Amino acid sequence: MAFLLATATAPPAQWIGARLERGRVGVSVARTGFPPRPVGRRPTASSAGVDVTDVAYDTRRGLVYVGTCCEPGSGHLSMLDARSPAPVLRQDDQGFAVDVAGPQSTVARTDTFGTLAVRATPPEAQEVRADAGVADVAVDGSGSMRVIALVDARRLRAIVPVVSEHDPGLLIRQRAAEGPGWADTMHSLPREASYCRVIPLADGAVGLLAGTPVRGRAWQCNGDRLDVYDTASRQLRTGVLTFPGRVRHLSIDDSSTFLIFTTVEGAVGWRTLDGRGGDLAARGFMAADW
């Protein structure tokens, strides 16, 4: 299958990690193969019980977005300028899942109410689809711009019971060839399947981290294998990649080749679908991106 072939030869030179220390959310930067270096953190302590749920790195502008949950109840997005001489996490938006990619630094986010929101930088008007049942988002900037939304209302209803029911699936928004609009396509997923994260792969394929939400903390979802959905044939292939332990966060680089994952123990590593991989950090992180 063509979409399983890696196109780049070496992983990105830099990665970003998010952590929680003494109640404060922090961000670290690391050269691949070297120890991570803290660059900034939230000035005040977070509320008790808050988790880091996502991190996304805008490689073009040097901006880092960090998602936390669940105070406020919709989740909270902070932003940090990693190129600033004194980086500090500042409030950006609401939500607990976020991604950014593409030449316009398109940002997609969702909150615990299942809202899908998309905006580009420089700021366009943010497009918002309320109560869409979206539990995770990904932005593919490697070709024609697309936003991938994982629809899983069951997970959201475990956090916010008033979320409407939706069949599980993938909502894919493709940037129109002309004009500012988007074309939407819905792909169904098996009702018995349970997925935590979604990532863009080559040739229009989509990677899905198979796993289950943590009881009582459904914003945290852990998995151990990657399934791949082919959007052209609408076929799902299970068990394409198995991770070395339970994974709490998963992302991929801008070439859609190098996966970066964070384990429930806080270790960070990378893998490709053709079998390569390595370790990036032994402990201390809740999410990572490059």
Protein backbone atom coordinates (compact mmCIF):
# COMPACT_ATOMS: atom_id res chain seq x y z
CA MET A 1 0.00 0.00 0.00
CA ALA A 2 1.60 3.24 -1.16
CA PHE A 3 0.68 5.29 1.89
CA LEU A 4 2.84 3.07 4.13
CA LEU A 5 6.08 4.20 2.50
CA ALA A 6 8.15 6.87 4.27
CA THR A 7 9.33 9.77 2.11
CA ALA A 8 11.90 11.49 4.37
CA THR A 9 15.16 9.90 5.52
CA ALA A 10 15.79 11.50 8.92
CA PRO A 11 13.50 12.71 11.69
CA PRO A 12 13.04 16.46 12.24
CA ALA A 13 15.94 18.23 13.93
CA GLN A 14 13.80 19.60 16.77
CA TRP A 15 10.84 18.58 18.91
CA ILE A 16 8.64 20.25 21.52
CA GLY A 17 7.41 18.68 24.76
CA ALA A 18 4.77 19.76 27.29
CA ARG A 19 4.85 18.79 30.95
CA LEU A 20 3.20 19.49 34.30
CA GLU A 21 5.49 20.37 37.22
CA ARG A 22 4.25 21.44 40.65
CA GLY A 23 0.92 22.37 39.10
CA ARG A 24 2.43 24.56 36.38
CA VAL A 25 2.31 23.75 32.67
CA GLY A 26 5.73 23.99 31.04
CA VAL A 27 7.23 23.68 27.55
CA SER A 28 10.60 22.25 26.58
CA VAL A 29 12.52 22.35 23.29
CA ALA A 30 15.02 19.69 22.28
CA ARG A 31 17.38 19.10 19.41
CA THR A 32 16.76 15.54 18.29
CA GLY A 33 19.35 13.35 19.98
CA PHE A 34 20.04 15.85 22.79
CA PRO A 35 18.42 16.46 26.20
CA PRO A 36 15.33 18.72 26.25
CA ARG A 37 15.67 22.29 27.51
CA PRO A 38 12.83 24.11 29.36
CA VAL A 39 11.89 27.36 27.60
CA GLY A 40 8.76 28.62 29.34
CA ARG A 41 5.84 27.84 31.58
CA ARG A 42 2.51 29.19 32.73
CA PRO A 43 3.13 31.96 35.32
CA THR A 44 0.54 30.62 37.79
CA ALA A 45 -0.31 27.13 38.96
CA SER A 46 -3.14 25.26 37.24
CA SER A 47 -6.24 24.09 39.03
CA ALA A 48 -6.06 20.77 40.85
CA GLY A 49 -6.73 17.81 38.57
CA VAL A 50 -5.77 19.60 35.34
CA ASP A 51 -3.90 17.48 32.76
CA VAL A 52 -1.85 18.47 29.74
CA THR A 53 -3.90 16.93 26.91
CA ASP A 54 -2.22 18.16 23.73
CA VAL A 55 0.65 20.16 22.24
CA ALA A 56 1.12 21.45 18.69
CA TYR A 57 4.15 23.18 17.19
CA ASP A 58 3.89 25.73 14.39
CA THR A 59 7.27 25.18 12.73
CA ARG A 60 6.89 28.21 10.45
CA ARG A 61 6.20 30.78 13.15
CA GLY A 62 7.77 29.16 16.20
CA LEU A 63 4.50 29.12 18.14
CA VAL A 64 3.59 26.34 20.58
CA TYR A 65 -0.04 25.59 21.49
CA VAL A 66 -0.77 23.60 24.65
CA GLY A 67 -4.14 22.07 25.53
CA THR A 68 -5.19 21.34 29.12
CA CYS A 69 -8.30 19.87 30.64
CA CYS A 70 -10.61 20.28 32.36
CA GLU A 71 -10.73 23.67 34.03
CA PRO A 72 -12.52 25.46 32.55
CA GLY A 73 -14.81 22.58 31.65
CA SER A 74 -14.36 23.02 27.90
CA GLY A 75 -10.56 22.76 28.17
CA HIS A 76 -8.01 25.56 27.86
CA LEU A 77 -5.54 26.42 25.08
CA SER A 78 -2.39 28.39 25.83
CA MET A 79 0.21 29.68 23.37
CA LEU A 80 3.94 30.34 23.69
CA ASP A 81 6.38 31.99 21.27
CA ALA A 82 9.40 29.69 21.38
CA ARG A 83 11.50 32.32 19.55
CA SER A 84 10.89 34.97 22.19
CA PRO A 85 13.82 35.80 24.51
CA ALA A 86 11.49 35.27 27.49
CA PRO A 87 8.76 32.77 26.43
CA VAL A 88 5.62 32.61 28.59
CA LEU A 89 2.45 30.57 28.10
CA ARG A 90 -0.50 32.91 27.60
CA GLN A 91 -4.20 32.31 27.07
CA ASP A 92 -5.18 31.68 23.45
CA ASP A 93 -8.55 29.92 23.18
CA GLN A 94 -10.70 27.20 24.68
CA GLY A 95 -10.32 23.51 23.91
CA PHE A 96 -8.41 20.40 24.91
CA ALA A 97 -7.14 19.18 21.50
CA VAL A 98 -5.29 21.29 18.94
CA ASP A 99 -3.12 21.00 15.84
CA VAL A 100 -1.42 23.43 13.46
CA ALA A 101 0.26 22.99 10.04
CA GLY A 102 0.44 24.33 6.51
CA PRO A 103 1.73 27.49 4.83
CA GLN A 104 -0.98 29.60 6.51
CA SER A 105 -0.40 28.01 9.93
CA THR A 106 -3.95 26.66 9.99
CA VAL A 107 -5.06 25.92 13.56
CA ALA A 108 -7.78 23.37 14.31
CA ARG A 109 -9.15 22.76 17.78
CA THR A 110 -11.92 21.01 19.65
CA ASP A 111 -13.31 21.24 23.18
CA THR A 112 -15.13 18.86 25.50
CA PHE A 113 -18.44 19.93 23.93
CA GLY A 114 -17.26 18.55 20.56
CA THR A 115 -16.87 21.90 18.79
CA LEU A 116 -14.77 21.94 15.61
CA ALA A 117 -13.09 25.30 15.02
CA VAL A 118 -10.62 26.18 12.26
CA ARG A 119 -8.67 29.39 11.71
CA ALA A 120 -5.63 30.46 9.71
CA THR A 121 -2.77 32.87 10.46
CA PRO A 122 -2.76 35.77 9.62
CA PRO A 123 -6.19 35.57 11.27
CA GLU A 124 -9.12 34.70 9.10
CA ALA A 125 -12.59 34.54 10.58
CA GLN A 126 -12.67 31.39 12.71
CA GLU A 127 -15.06 28.79 11.29
CA VAL A 128 -16.94 27.04 14.09
CA ARG A 129 -19.09 23.93 13.93
CA ALA A 130 -20.76 23.50 17.32
CA ASP A 131 -21.70 20.13 18.86
CA ALA A 132 -20.00 18.16 16.07
CA GLY A 133 -18.94 15.34 18.38
CA VAL A 134 -15.24 15.92 17.63
CA ALA A 135 -12.80 14.42 20.16
CA ASP A 136 -9.48 15.08 18.34
CA VAL A 137 -8.19 17.10 15.39
CA ALA A 138 -5.24 17.05 12.98
CA VAL A 139 -4.08 19.42 10.25
CA ASP A 140 -2.34 18.06 7.15
CA GLY A 141 -0.19 20.72 5.54
CA SER A 142 1.91 18.44 3.34
CA GLY A 143 -0.24 18.78 0.21
CA SER A 144 -3.65 20.27 -0.44
CA MET A 145 -4.77 21.56 2.94
CA ARG A 146 -7.08 19.26 4.91
CA VAL A 147 -8.34 19.18 8.49
CA ILE A 148 -9.14 15.77 9.99
CA ALA A 149 -11.61 15.50 12.87
CA LEU A 150 -12.15 12.31 14.87
CA VAL A 151 -15.83 12.08 15.75
CA ASP A 152 -16.34 10.19 19.03
CA ALA A 153 -19.35 11.48 20.93
CA ARG A 154 -19.23 8.53 23.35
CA ARG A 155 -15.96 9.78 24.80
CA LEU A 156 -17.22 13.36 25.01
CA ARG A 157 -20.50 12.34 26.65
CA ALA A 158 -18.45 10.73 29.43
CA ILE A 159 -17.12 14.24 30.17
CA VAL A 160 -20.14 16.41 29.22
CA PRO A 161 -23.39 14.37 29.19
CA VAL A 162 -25.29 17.00 27.15
CA VAL A 163 -23.17 16.39 24.02
CA SER A 164 -25.38 15.07 21.23
CA GLU A 165 -24.97 11.52 19.99
CA HIS A 166 -23.03 11.05 16.73
CA ASP A 167 -21.96 7.94 14.87
CA PRO A 168 -18.16 7.42 15.10
CA GLY A 169 -16.25 8.56 12.06
CA LEU A 170 -13.78 10.88 10.40
CA LEU A 171 -14.88 14.32 9.24
CA ILE A 172 -12.39 15.52 6.64
CA ARG A 173 -12.41 19.15 5.56
CA GLN A 174 -10.52 19.77 2.32
CA ARG A 175 -9.56 23.30 1.36
CA ALA A 176 -11.36 24.33 -1.83
CA ALA A 177 -9.18 24.72 -4.91
CA GLU A 178 -10.56 28.23 -5.41
CA GLY A 179 -11.94 30.62 -2.83
CA PRO A 180 -11.87 30.52 0.98
CA GLY A 181 -14.30 27.64 1.52
CA TRP A 182 -13.94 24.00 2.54
CA ALA A 183 -15.40 20.78 1.15
CA ASP A 184 -16.49 18.29 3.84
CA THR A 185 -16.53 14.50 3.59
CA MET A 186 -17.67 12.09 6.30
CA HIS A 187 -16.15 8.61 6.65
CA SER A 188 -17.75 6.04 8.96
CA LEU A 189 -15.74 4.02 11.47
CA PRO A 190 -16.82 0.72 13.06
CA ARG A 191 -19.17 1.35 15.98
CA GLU A 192 -17.24 -1.09 18.16
CA ALA A 193 -13.90 0.66 17.51
CA SER A 194 -12.38 3.05 20.04
CA TYR A 195 -9.75 5.62 19.07
CA CYS A 196 -7.79 8.23 21.01
CA ARG A 197 -5.88 10.25 18.41
CA VAL A 198 -5.88 11.01 14.71
CA ILE A 199 -2.88 11.92 12.48
CA PRO A 200 -2.49 12.67 8.75
CA LEU A 201 -0.52 10.17 6.67
CA ALA A 202 0.73 10.23 3.09
CA ASP A 203 -1.57 9.84 0.07
CA GLY A 204 -4.64 10.99 1.99
CA ALA A 205 -4.54 8.16 4.54
CA VAL A 206 -5.32 8.72 8.22
CA GLY A 207 -3.63 7.16 11.24
CA LEU A 208 -5.71 6.30 14.31
CA LEU A 209 -4.36 5.51 17.77
CA ALA A 210 -6.52 2.63 18.98
CA GLY A 211 -7.25 2.78 22.70
CA THR A 212 -9.74 3.59 25.44
CA PRO A 213 -10.47 6.59 27.67
CA VAL A 214 -9.37 6.46 31.30
CA ARG A 215 -12.33 5.76 33.60
CA GLY A 216 -13.46 8.98 35.25
CA ARG A 217 -11.02 11.06 33.16
CA ALA A 218 -12.25 10.54 29.61
CA TRP A 219 -10.21 13.48 28.32
CA GLN A 220 -7.21 11.15 28.86
CA CYS A 221 -7.16 8.25 26.38
CA ASN A 222 -4.40 5.65 26.10
CA GLY A 223 -3.63 3.24 23.26
CA ASP A 224 -0.99 0.82 22.05
CA ARG A 225 -1.39 0.39 18.28
CA LEU A 226 -1.90 2.42 15.10
CA ASP A 227 -4.65 1.57 12.65
CA VAL A 228 -4.67 3.15 9.17
CA TYR A 229 -7.75 4.29 7.27
CA ASP A 230 -7.47 4.66 3.48
CA THR A 231 -9.80 7.51 2.49
CA ALA A 232 -9.74 6.52 -1.20
CA SER A 233 -10.88 2.92 -0.71
CA ARG A 234 -12.67 3.62 2.62
CA GLN A 235 -10.92 0.59 4.11
CA LEU A 236 -9.50 0.30 7.64
CA ARG A 237 -6.32 -1.68 8.26
CA THR A 238 -5.73 -2.59 11.91
CA GLY A 239 -2.45 -3.12 13.74
CA VAL A 240 -0.19 -1.40 11.21
CA LEU A 241 2.16 -0.32 14.01
CA THR A 242 2.47 -1.42 17.64
CA PHE A 243 3.97 0.91 20.24
CA PRO A 244 6.34 -0.20 23.04
CA GLY A 245 3.78 0.29 25.82
CA ARG A 246 0.70 2.41 26.39
CA VAL A 247 0.69 5.78 24.59
CA ARG A 248 -1.14 8.86 25.88
CA HIS A 249 -0.24 11.29 23.09
CA LEU A 250 0.57 10.91 19.39
CA SER A 251 1.51 13.38 16.67
CA ILE A 252 3.41 13.46 13.37
CA ASP A 253 5.79 15.80 11.56
CA ASP A 254 4.86 18.11 8.68
CA SER A 255 5.96 15.54 6.08
CA SER A 256 3.50 12.99 7.54
CA THR A 257 6.38 10.52 7.96
CA PHE A 258 7.76 10.59 11.51
CA LEU A 259 5.40 9.79 14.37
CA ILE A 260 6.26 11.17 17.81
CA PHE A 261 4.60 9.58 20.84
CA THR A 262 4.47 10.06 24.60
CA THR A 263 3.92 7.08 26.88
CA VAL A 264 1.82 7.05 30.05
CA GLU A 265 5.14 6.92 31.97
CA GLY A 266 6.25 10.21 30.34
CA ALA A 267 8.81 8.88 27.86
CA VAL A 268 8.99 10.32 24.32
CA GLY A 269 9.96 8.33 21.23
CA TRP A 270 9.56 8.29 17.45
CA ARG A 271 8.56 5.69 14.88
CA THR A 272 7.91 5.38 11.14
CA LEU A 273 5.56 3.01 9.39
CA ASP A 274 8.51 1.30 7.68
CA GLY A 275 9.95 0.11 11.00
CA ARG A 276 12.45 2.77 12.04
CA GLY A 277 12.41 4.39 15.47
CA GLY A 278 14.29 5.85 18.39
CA ASP A 279 14.05 7.36 21.88
CA LEU A 280 13.87 11.10 22.55
CA ALA A 281 13.34 11.44 26.31
CA ALA A 282 13.17 8.94 29.15
CA ARG A 283 10.52 10.66 31.31
CA GLY A 284 8.79 13.86 32.33
CA PHE A 285 6.38 14.64 29.46
CA MET A 286 2.64 14.44 28.85
CA ALA A 287 2.65 15.37 25.13
CA ALA A 288 5.15 16.07 22.34
CA ASP A 289 5.20 17.34 18.74
CA TRP A 290 7.64 18.31 16.01
